[in-house]
Amino acid sequence: MSQHPDPLRDELLRNEEYRRLHDQHHEFEARLDSLASKVVLSDDEQLEETTLKKKKLQAKDRMEAIARSLREATAHP
Protein backbone atom coordinates (compact mmCIF):
# COMPACT_ATOMS: atom_id res chain seq x y z
CA MET A 1 0.00 0.00 0.00
CA SER A 2 1.53 3.31 -1.05
CA GLN A 3 1.68 6.34 1.19
CA HIS A 4 0.40 9.24 -0.93
CA PRO A 5 -0.28 12.56 0.77
CA ASP A 6 -3.97 13.39 1.02
CA PRO A 7 -4.42 17.13 0.42
CA LEU A 8 -7.99 17.08 1.79
CA ARG A 9 -6.87 15.40 5.02
CA ASP A 10 -4.01 17.86 5.38
CA GLU A 11 -6.39 20.79 4.87
CA LEU A 12 -8.88 19.38 7.36
CA LEU A 13 -6.19 19.00 10.02
CA ARG A 14 -5.28 22.67 9.53
CA ASN A 15 -8.90 23.61 10.30
CA GLU A 16 -9.11 24.48 14.01
CA GLU A 17 -12.75 23.44 14.44
CA TYR A 18 -12.19 20.13 12.65
CA ARG A 19 -9.11 19.36 14.79
CA ARG A 20 -11.02 20.18 17.99
CA LEU A 21 -13.92 17.97 16.94
CA HIS A 22 -11.54 15.19 15.93
CA ASP A 23 -9.90 15.29 19.36
CA GLN A 24 -13.27 15.34 21.13
CA HIS A 25 -14.49 12.41 19.04
CA HIS A 26 -11.48 10.35 20.15
CA GLU A 27 -11.99 11.35 23.80
CA PHE A 28 -15.64 10.29 23.62
CA GLU A 29 -14.63 6.99 22.00
CA ALA A 30 -12.05 6.29 24.72
CA ARG A 31 -14.57 6.94 27.50
CA LEU A 32 -17.20 4.80 25.76
CA ASP A 33 -14.64 1.98 25.49
CA SER A 34 -13.99 2.34 29.22
CA LEU A 35 -17.70 2.13 29.98
CA ALA A 36 -18.14 -0.83 27.64
CA SER A 37 -15.52 -2.79 29.56
CA LYS A 38 -17.70 -2.73 32.68
CA VAL A 39 -20.02 -5.64 33.38
CA VAL A 40 -22.74 -3.46 34.87
CA LEU A 41 -23.24 0.28 34.53
CA SER A 42 -24.74 2.46 37.24
CA ASP A 43 -27.67 4.69 36.33
CA ASP A 44 -25.29 7.65 36.06
CA GLU A 45 -22.94 5.68 33.82
CA GLN A 46 -25.84 4.61 31.58
CA LEU A 47 -26.87 8.25 31.23
CA GLU A 48 -23.24 9.24 30.52
CA GLU A 49 -22.97 6.51 27.88
CA THR A 50 -26.11 7.73 26.10
CA THR A 51 -24.94 11.34 26.26
CA LEU A 52 -21.46 10.46 24.99
CA LYS A 53 -22.89 8.50 22.06
CA LYS A 54 -24.99 11.53 21.06
CA LYS A 55 -22.06 13.93 21.42
CA LYS A 56 -19.79 11.60 19.46
CA LEU A 57 -22.33 11.41 16.63
CA GLN A 58 -22.79 15.20 16.63
CA ALA A 59 -19.01 15.68 16.41
CA LYS A 60 -18.76 13.19 13.55
CA ASP A 61 -21.66 14.83 11.69
CA ARG A 62 -20.04 18.26 12.01
CA MET A 63 -16.66 16.87 10.89
CA GLU A 64 -18.36 15.39 7.83
CA ALA A 65 -20.04 18.73 7.07
CA ILE A 66 -16.69 20.52 7.26
CA ALA A 67 -15.10 17.91 4.97
CA ARG A 68 -18.01 18.16 2.51
CA SER A 69 -17.72 21.96 2.41
CA LEU A 70 -14.01 21.74 1.79
CA ARG A 71 -14.45 19.16 -0.99
CA GLU A 72 -17.07 21.36 -2.65
CA ALA A 73 -14.87 24.45 -2.33
CA THR A 74 -11.90 22.69 -3.94
CA ALA A 75 -14.05 21.13 -6.67
CA HIS A 76 -15.58 24.51 -7.62
CA PRO A 77 -12.88 27.16 -7.16
PDB file of N, CA and C in Angstrom:
ATOM      1  N   MET A   1       0.845  -1.177   0.000  1.00  0.00           N
ATOM      2  CA  MET A   1       0.000   0.000   0.000  1.00  0.00           C
ATOM      3  C   MET A   1       0.889   1.237   0.000  1.00  0.00           C
ATOM      4  N   SER A   2       0.681   2.126  -0.930  1.00  0.00           N
ATOM      5  CA  SER A   2       1.529   3.308  -1.049  1.00  0.00           C
ATOM      6  C   SER A   2       1.049   4.411  -0.114  1.00  0.00           C
ATOM      7  N   GLN A   3       1.973   5.240   0.273  1.00  0.00           N
ATOM      8  CA  GLN A   3       1.685   6.341   1.192  1.00  0.00           C
ATOM      9  C   GLN A   3       1.674   7.651   0.416  1.00  0.00           C
ATOM     10  N   HIS A   4       0.533   7.991  -0.191  1.00  0.00           N
ATOM     11  CA  HIS A   4       0.401   9.243  -0.928  1.00  0.00           C
ATOM     12  C   HIS A   4      -0.210  10.289  -0.012  1.00  0.00           C
ATOM     13  N   PRO A   5       0.312  11.506  -0.065  1.00  0.00           N
ATOM     14  CA  PRO A   5      -0.282  12.559   0.766  1.00  0.00           C
ATOM     15  C   PRO A   5      -1.720  12.835   0.331  1.00  0.00           C
ATOM     16  N   ASP A   6      -2.572  13.082   1.288  1.00  0.00           N
ATOM     17  CA  ASP A   6      -3.975  13.386   1.019  1.00  0.00           C
ATOM     18  C   ASP A   6      -4.186  14.870   1.289  1.00  0.00           C
ATOM     19  N   PRO A   7      -4.284  15.690   0.219  1.00  0.00           N
ATOM     20  CA  PRO A   7      -4.421  17.130   0.420  1.00  0.00           C
ATOM     21  C   PRO A   7      -5.668  17.504   1.223  1.00  0.00           C
ATOM     22  N   LEU A   8      -6.767  16.781   1.041  1.00  0.00           N
ATOM     23  CA  LEU A   8      -7.990  17.081   1.786  1.00  0.00           C
ATOM     24  C   LEU A   8      -7.764  16.832   3.279  1.00  0.00           C
ATOM     25  N   ARG A   9      -7.148  15.722   3.608  1.00  0.00           N
ATOM     26  CA  ARG A   9      -6.874  15.404   5.016  1.00  0.00           C
ATOM     27  C   ARG A   9      -5.952  16.459   5.624  1.00  0.00           C
ATOM     28  N   ASP A  10      -4.930  16.834   4.892  1.00  0.00           N
ATOM     29  CA  ASP A  10      -4.008  17.863   5.380  1.00  0.00           C
ATOM     30  C   ASP A  10      -4.739  19.180   5.634  1.00  0.00           C
ATOM     31  N   GLU A  11      -5.618  19.541   4.717  1.00  0.00           N
ATOM     32  CA  GLU A  11      -6.387  20.786   4.868  1.00  0.00           C
ATOM     33  C   GLU A  11      -7.335  20.701   6.062  1.00  0.00           C
ATOM     34  N   LEU A  12      -7.972  19.558   6.234  1.00  0.00           N
ATOM     35  CA  LEU A  12      -8.881  19.381   7.363  1.00  0.00           C
ATOM     36  C   LEU A  12      -8.135  19.516   8.688  1.00  0.00           C
ATOM     37  N   LEU A  13      -6.955  18.947   8.763  1.00  0.00           N
ATOM     38  CA  LEU A  13      -6.193  19.005  10.016  1.00  0.00           C
ATOM     39  C   LEU A  13      -5.659  20.402  10.302  1.00  0.00           C
ATOM     40  N   ARG A  14      -5.655  21.263   9.301  1.00  0.00           N
ATOM     41  CA  ARG A  14      -5.282  22.667   9.528  1.00  0.00           C
ATOM     42  C   ARG A  14      -6.480  23.489  10.014  1.00  0.00           C
ATOM     43  N   ASN A  15      -7.680  22.932   9.874  1.00  0.00           N
ATOM     44  CA  ASN A  15      -8.898  23.614  10.300  1.00  0.00           C
ATOM     45  C   ASN A  15      -9.062  23.426  11.813  1.00  0.00           C
ATOM     46  N   GLU A  16      -9.062  24.536  12.544  1.00  0.00           N
ATOM     47  CA  GLU A  16      -9.106  24.482  14.010  1.00  0.00           C
ATOM     48  C   GLU A  16     -10.354  23.765  14.534  1.00  0.00           C
ATOM     49  N   GLU A  17     -11.511  24.072  13.971  1.00  0.00           N
ATOM     50  CA  GLU A  17     -12.747  23.443  14.438  1.00  0.00           C
ATOM     51  C   GLU A  17     -12.708  21.937  14.178  1.00  0.00           C
ATOM     52  N   TYR A  18     -12.263  21.547  12.993  1.00  0.00           N
ATOM     53  CA  TYR A  18     -12.191  20.128  12.647  1.00  0.00           C
ATOM     54  C   TYR A  18     -11.249  19.396  13.613  1.00  0.00           C
ATOM     55  N   ARG A  19     -10.080  19.983  13.872  1.00  0.00           N
ATOM     56  CA  ARG A  19      -9.109  19.364  14.788  1.00  0.00           C
ATOM     57  C   ARG A  19      -9.695  19.199  16.182  1.00  0.00           C
ATOM     58  N   ARG A  20     -10.396  20.238  16.668  1.00  0.00           N
ATOM     59  CA  ARG A  20     -11.017  20.184  17.988  1.00  0.00           C
ATOM     60  C   ARG A  20     -12.073  19.071  18.039  1.00  0.00           C
ATOM     61  N   LEU A  21     -12.895  19.004  17.006  1.00  0.00           N
ATOM     62  CA  LEU A  21     -13.924  17.969  16.942  1.00  0.00           C
ATOM     63  C   LEU A  21     -13.301  16.576  16.853  1.00  0.00           C
ATOM     64  N   HIS A  22     -12.246  16.460  16.078  1.00  0.00           N
ATOM     65  CA  HIS A  22     -11.540  15.188  15.927  1.00  0.00           C
ATOM     66  C   HIS A  22     -11.021  14.716  17.287  1.00  0.00           C
ATOM     67  N   ASP A  23     -10.417  15.622  18.034  1.00  0.00           N
ATOM     68  CA  ASP A  23      -9.898  15.290  19.362  1.00  0.00           C
ATOM     69  C   ASP A  23     -11.029  14.894  20.312  1.00  0.00           C
ATOM     70  N   GLN A  24     -12.126  15.657  20.278  1.00  0.00           N
ATOM     71  CA  GLN A  24     -13.273  15.339  21.131  1.00  0.00           C
ATOM     72  C   GLN A  24     -13.835  13.958  20.785  1.00  0.00           C
ATOM     73  N   HIS A  25     -13.952  13.685  19.506  1.00  0.00           N
ATOM     74  CA  HIS A  25     -14.485  12.410  19.044  1.00  0.00           C
ATOM     75  C   HIS A  25     -13.670  11.259  19.625  1.00  0.00           C
ATOM     76  N   HIS A  26     -12.351  11.396  19.608  1.00  0.00           N
ATOM     77  CA  HIS A  26     -11.485  10.349  20.151  1.00  0.00           C
ATOM     78  C   HIS A  26     -11.615  10.247  21.676  1.00  0.00           C
ATOM     79  N   GLU A  27     -11.783  11.370  22.350  1.00  0.00           N
ATOM     80  CA  GLU A  27     -11.987  11.349  23.804  1.00  0.00           C
ATOM     81  C   GLU A  27     -13.300  10.639  24.147  1.00  0.00           C
ATOM     82  N   PHE A  28     -14.356  10.943  23.395  1.00  0.00           N
ATOM     83  CA  PHE A  28     -15.642  10.286  23.624  1.00  0.00           C
ATOM     84  C   PHE A  28     -15.505   8.782  23.400  1.00  0.00           C
ATOM     85  N   GLU A  29     -14.823   8.403  22.332  1.00  0.00           N
ATOM     86  CA  GLU A  29     -14.626   6.989  22.004  1.00  0.00           C
ATOM     87  C   GLU A  29     -13.869   6.272  23.126  1.00  0.00           C
ATOM     88  N   ALA A  30     -12.832   6.906  23.645  1.00  0.00           N
ATOM     89  CA  ALA A  30     -12.046   6.295  24.724  1.00  0.00           C
ATOM     90  C   ALA A  30     -12.907   6.087  25.971  1.00  0.00           C
ATOM     91  N   ARG A  31     -13.720   7.074  26.318  1.00  0.00           N
ATOM     92  CA  ARG A  31     -14.572   6.937  27.504  1.00  0.00           C
ATOM     93  C   ARG A  31     -15.641   5.880  27.275  1.00  0.00           C
ATOM     94  N   LEU A  32     -16.204   5.832  26.067  1.00  0.00           N
ATOM     95  CA  LEU A  32     -17.199   4.799  25.765  1.00  0.00           C
ATOM     96  C   LEU A  32     -16.572   3.408  25.846  1.00  0.00           C
ATOM     97  N   ASP A  33     -15.342   3.263  25.385  1.00  0.00           N
ATOM     98  CA  ASP A  33     -14.643   1.975  25.494  1.00  0.00           C
ATOM     99  C   ASP A  33     -14.482   1.586  26.953  1.00  0.00           C
ATOM    100  N   SER A  34     -14.149   2.583  27.783  1.00  0.00           N
ATOM    101  CA  SER A  34     -13.992   2.341  29.216  1.00  0.00           C
ATOM    102  C   SER A  34     -15.309   1.869  29.836  1.00  0.00           C
ATOM    103  N   LEU A  35     -16.390   2.523  29.469  1.00  0.00           N
ATOM    104  CA  LEU A  35     -17.698   2.129  29.984  1.00  0.00           C
ATOM    105  C   LEU A  35     -18.097   0.741  29.472  1.00  0.00           C
ATOM    106  N   ALA A  36     -17.767   0.449  28.238  1.00  0.00           N
ATOM    107  CA  ALA A  36     -18.136  -0.833  27.639  1.00  0.00           C
ATOM    108  C   ALA A  36     -17.411  -2.002  28.310  1.00  0.00           C
ATOM    109  N   SER A  37     -16.282  -1.717  28.916  1.00  0.00           N
ATOM    110  CA  SER A  37     -15.519  -2.791  29.562  1.00  0.00           C
ATOM    111  C   SER A  37     -16.126  -3.193  30.908  1.00  0.00           C
ATOM    112  N   LYS A  38     -17.056  -2.413  31.408  1.00  0.00           N
ATOM    113  CA  LYS A  38     -17.702  -2.728  32.683  1.00  0.00           C
ATOM    114  C   LYS A  38     -18.810  -3.753  32.467  1.00  0.00           C
ATOM    115  N   VAL A  39     -18.978  -4.630  33.454  1.00  0.00           N
ATOM    116  CA  VAL A  39     -20.025  -5.644  33.375  1.00  0.00           C
ATOM    117  C   VAL A  39     -21.397  -5.011  33.577  1.00  0.00           C
ATOM    118  N   VAL A  40     -21.476  -4.124  34.558  1.00  0.00           N
ATOM    119  CA  VAL A  40     -22.744  -3.456  34.872  1.00  0.00           C
ATOM    120  C   VAL A  40     -22.480  -1.966  35.011  1.00  0.00           C
ATOM    121  N   LEU A  41     -23.359  -1.172  34.428  1.00  0.00           N
ATOM    122  CA  LEU A  41     -23.241   0.285  34.535  1.00  0.00           C
ATOM    123  C   LEU A  41     -24.251   0.808  35.545  1.00  0.00           C
ATOM    124  N   SER A  42     -23.818   1.780  36.324  1.00  0.00           N
ATOM    125  CA  SER A  42     -24.743   2.457  37.239  1.00  0.00           C
ATOM    126  C   SER A  42     -25.701   3.304  36.400  1.00  0.00           C
ATOM    127  N   ASP A  43     -26.720   3.817  37.038  1.00  0.00           N
ATOM    128  CA  ASP A  43     -27.667   4.692  36.330  1.00  0.00           C
ATOM    129  C   ASP A  43     -26.946   5.904  35.748  1.00  0.00           C
ATOM    130  N   ASP A  44     -26.049   6.500  36.541  1.00  0.00           N
ATOM    131  CA  ASP A  44     -25.287   7.654  36.061  1.00  0.00           C
ATOM    132  C   ASP A  44     -24.407   7.286  34.873  1.00  0.00           C
ATOM    133  N   GLU A  45     -23.804   6.115  34.926  1.00  0.00           N
ATOM    134  CA  GLU A  45     -22.945   5.682  33.816  1.00  0.00           C
ATOM    135  C   GLU A  45     -23.771   5.392  32.563  1.00  0.00           C
ATOM    136  N   GLN A  46     -24.965   4.852  32.734  1.00  0.00           N
ATOM    137  CA  GLN A  46     -25.841   4.612  31.579  1.00  0.00           C
ATOM    138  C   GLN A  46     -26.228   5.931  30.924  1.00  0.00           C
ATOM    139  N   LEU A  47     -26.534   6.929  31.753  1.00  0.00           N
ATOM    140  CA  LEU A  47     -26.867   8.255  31.227  1.00  0.00           C
ATOM    141  C   LEU A  47     -25.649   8.857  30.522  1.00  0.00           C
ATOM    142  N   GLU A  48     -24.469   8.726  31.137  1.00  0.00           N
ATOM    143  CA  GLU A  48     -23.242   9.237  30.523  1.00  0.00           C
ATOM    144  C   GLU A  48     -22.990   8.555  29.178  1.00  0.00           C
ATOM    145  N   GLU A  49     -23.193   7.245  29.128  1.00  0.00           N
ATOM    146  CA  GLU A  49     -22.975   6.508  27.881  1.00  0.00           C
ATOM    147  C   GLU A  49     -23.887   7.027  26.772  1.00  0.00           C
ATOM    148  N   THR A  50     -25.150   7.221  27.080  1.00  0.00           N
ATOM    149  CA  THR A  50     -26.113   7.733  26.101  1.00  0.00           C
ATOM    150  C   THR A  50     -25.719   9.130  25.635  1.00  0.00           C
ATOM    151  N   THR A  51     -25.346   9.972  26.586  1.00  0.00           N
ATOM    152  CA  THR A  51     -24.941  11.341  26.262  1.00  0.00           C
ATOM    153  C   THR A  51     -23.686  11.352  25.401  1.00  0.00           C
ATOM    154  N   LEU A  52     -22.706  10.524  25.763  1.00  0.00           N
ATOM    155  CA  LEU A  52     -21.458  10.458  24.987  1.00  0.00           C
ATOM    156  C   LEU A  52     -21.705   9.977  23.561  1.00  0.00           C
ATOM    157  N   LYS A  53     -22.578   9.007  23.405  1.00  0.00           N
ATOM    158  CA  LYS A  53     -22.892   8.505  22.062  1.00  0.00           C
ATOM    159  C   LYS A  53     -23.495   9.618  21.203  1.00  0.00           C
ATOM    160  N   LYS A  54     -24.375  10.414  21.795  1.00  0.00           N
ATOM    161  CA  LYS A  54     -24.989  11.528  21.061  1.00  0.00           C
ATOM    162  C   LYS A  54     -23.950  12.585  20.709  1.00  0.00           C
ATOM    163  N   LYS A  55     -23.091  12.934  21.673  1.00  0.00           N
ATOM    164  CA  LYS A  55     -22.057  13.933  21.419  1.00  0.00           C
ATOM    165  C   LYS A  55     -21.068  13.449  20.371  1.00  0.00           C
ATOM    166  N   LYS A  56     -20.722  12.178  20.432  1.00  0.00           N
ATOM    167  CA  LYS A  56     -19.790  11.603  19.459  1.00  0.00           C
ATOM    168  C   LYS A  56     -20.388  11.681  18.049  1.00  0.00           C
ATOM    169  N   LEU A  57     -21.656  11.349  17.930  1.00  0.00           N
ATOM    170  CA  LEU A  57     -22.330  11.412  16.631  1.00  0.00           C
ATOM    171  C   LEU A  57     -22.421  12.853  16.127  1.00  0.00           C
ATOM    172  N   GLN A  58     -22.727  13.795  17.024  1.00  0.00           N
ATOM    173  CA  GLN A  58     -22.788  15.200  16.627  1.00  0.00           C
ATOM    174  C   GLN A  58     -21.426  15.682  16.133  1.00  0.00           C
ATOM    175  N   ALA A  59     -20.367  15.289  16.826  1.00  0.00           N
ATOM    176  CA  ALA A  59     -19.012  15.681  16.410  1.00  0.00           C
ATOM    177  C   ALA A  59     -18.703  15.104  15.037  1.00  0.00           C
ATOM    178  N   LYS A  60     -19.029  13.839  14.836  1.00  0.00           N
ATOM    179  CA  LYS A  60     -18.757  13.192  13.547  1.00  0.00           C
ATOM    180  C   LYS A  60     -19.564  13.856  12.428  1.00  0.00           C
ATOM    181  N   ASP A  61     -20.825  14.165  12.696  1.00  0.00           N
ATOM    182  CA  ASP A  61     -21.658  14.832  11.691  1.00  0.00           C
ATOM    183  C   ASP A  61     -21.072  16.190  11.305  1.00  0.00           C
ATOM    184  N   ARG A  62     -20.622  16.941  12.294  1.00  0.00           N
ATOM    185  CA  ARG A  62     -20.043  18.264  12.010  1.00  0.00           C
ATOM    186  C   ARG A  62     -18.730  18.119  11.246  1.00  0.00           C
ATOM    187  N   MET A  63     -17.911  17.121  11.610  1.00  0.00           N
ATOM    188  CA  MET A  63     -16.659  16.873  10.889  1.00  0.00           C
ATOM    189  C   MET A  63     -16.953  16.545   9.421  1.00  0.00           C
ATOM    190  N   GLU A  64     -17.977  15.741   9.195  1.00  0.00           N
ATOM    191  CA  GLU A  64     -18.362  15.391   7.826  1.00  0.00           C
ATOM    192  C   GLU A  64     -18.838  16.620   7.063  1.00  0.00           C
ATOM    193  N   ALA A  65     -19.566  17.501   7.722  1.00  0.00           N
ATOM    194  CA  ALA A  65     -20.043  18.726   7.071  1.00  0.00           C
ATOM    195  C   ALA A  65     -18.866  19.622   6.683  1.00  0.00           C
ATOM    196  N   ILE A  66     -17.878  19.716   7.564  1.00  0.00           N
ATOM    197  CA  ILE A  66     -16.687  20.515   7.255  1.00  0.00           C
ATOM    198  C   ILE A  66     -15.950  19.904   6.068  1.00  0.00           C
ATOM    199  N   ALA A  67     -15.788  18.592   6.071  1.00  0.00           N
ATOM    200  CA  ALA A  67     -15.102  17.906   4.971  1.00  0.00           C
ATOM    201  C   ALA A  67     -15.861  18.093   3.657  1.00  0.00           C
ATOM    202  N   ARG A  68     -17.180  17.990   3.715  1.00  0.00           N
ATOM    203  CA  ARG A  68     -18.005  18.159   2.510  1.00  0.00           C
ATOM    204  C   ARG A  68     -17.852  19.578   1.958  1.00  0.00           C
ATOM    205  N   SER A  69     -17.882  20.563   2.838  1.00  0.00           N
ATOM    206  CA  SER A  69     -17.716  21.960   2.410  1.00  0.00           C
ATOM    207  C   SER A  69     -16.360  22.176   1.758  1.00  0.00           C
ATOM    208  N   LEU A  70     -15.342  21.602   2.342  1.00  0.00           N
ATOM    209  CA  LEU A  70     -14.007  21.742   1.792  1.00  0.00           C
ATOM    210  C   LEU A  70     -13.883  21.062   0.424  1.00  0.00           C
ATOM    211  N   ARG A  71     -14.470  19.859   0.317  1.00  0.00           N
ATOM    212  CA  ARG A  71     -14.455  19.164  -0.987  1.00  0.00           C
ATOM    213  C   ARG A  71     -15.163  19.990  -2.049  1.00  0.00           C
ATOM    214  N   GLU A  72     -16.313  20.550  -1.691  1.00  0.00           N
ATOM    215  CA  GLU A  72     -17.070  21.359  -2.650  1.00  0.00           C
ATOM    216  C   GLU A  72     -16.305  22.619  -3.032  1.00  0.00           C
ATOM    217  N   ALA A  73     -15.631  23.222  -2.069  1.00  0.00           N
ATOM    218  CA  ALA A  73     -14.871  24.445  -2.335  1.00  0.00           C
ATOM    219  C   ALA A  73     -13.679  24.165  -3.262  1.00  0.00           C
ATOM    220  N   THR A  74     -13.048  23.014  -3.084  1.00  0.00           N
ATOM    221  CA  THR A  74     -11.896  22.693  -3.936  1.00  0.00           C
ATOM    222  C   THR A  74     -12.341  22.172  -5.301  1.00  0.00           C
ATOM    223  N   ALA A  75     -13.549  21.629  -5.394  1.00  0.00           N
ATOM    224  CA  ALA A  75     -14.054  21.130  -6.669  1.00  0.00           C
ATOM    225  C   ALA A  75     -14.570  22.274  -7.541  1.00  0.00           C
ATOM    226  N   HIS A  76     -15.020  23.354  -6.909  1.00  0.00           N
ATOM    227  CA  HIS A  76     -15.581  24.505  -7.624  1.00  0.00           C
ATOM    228  C   HIS A  76     -14.866  25.788  -7.183  1.00  0.00           C
ATOM    229  N   PRO A  77     -13.618  25.951  -7.591  1.00  0.00           N
ATOM    230  CA  PRO A  77     -12.882  27.157  -7.158  1.00  0.00           C
ATOM    231  C   PRO A  77     -13.434  28.444  -7.697  1.00  0.00           C
TER     232      PRO A  77
END
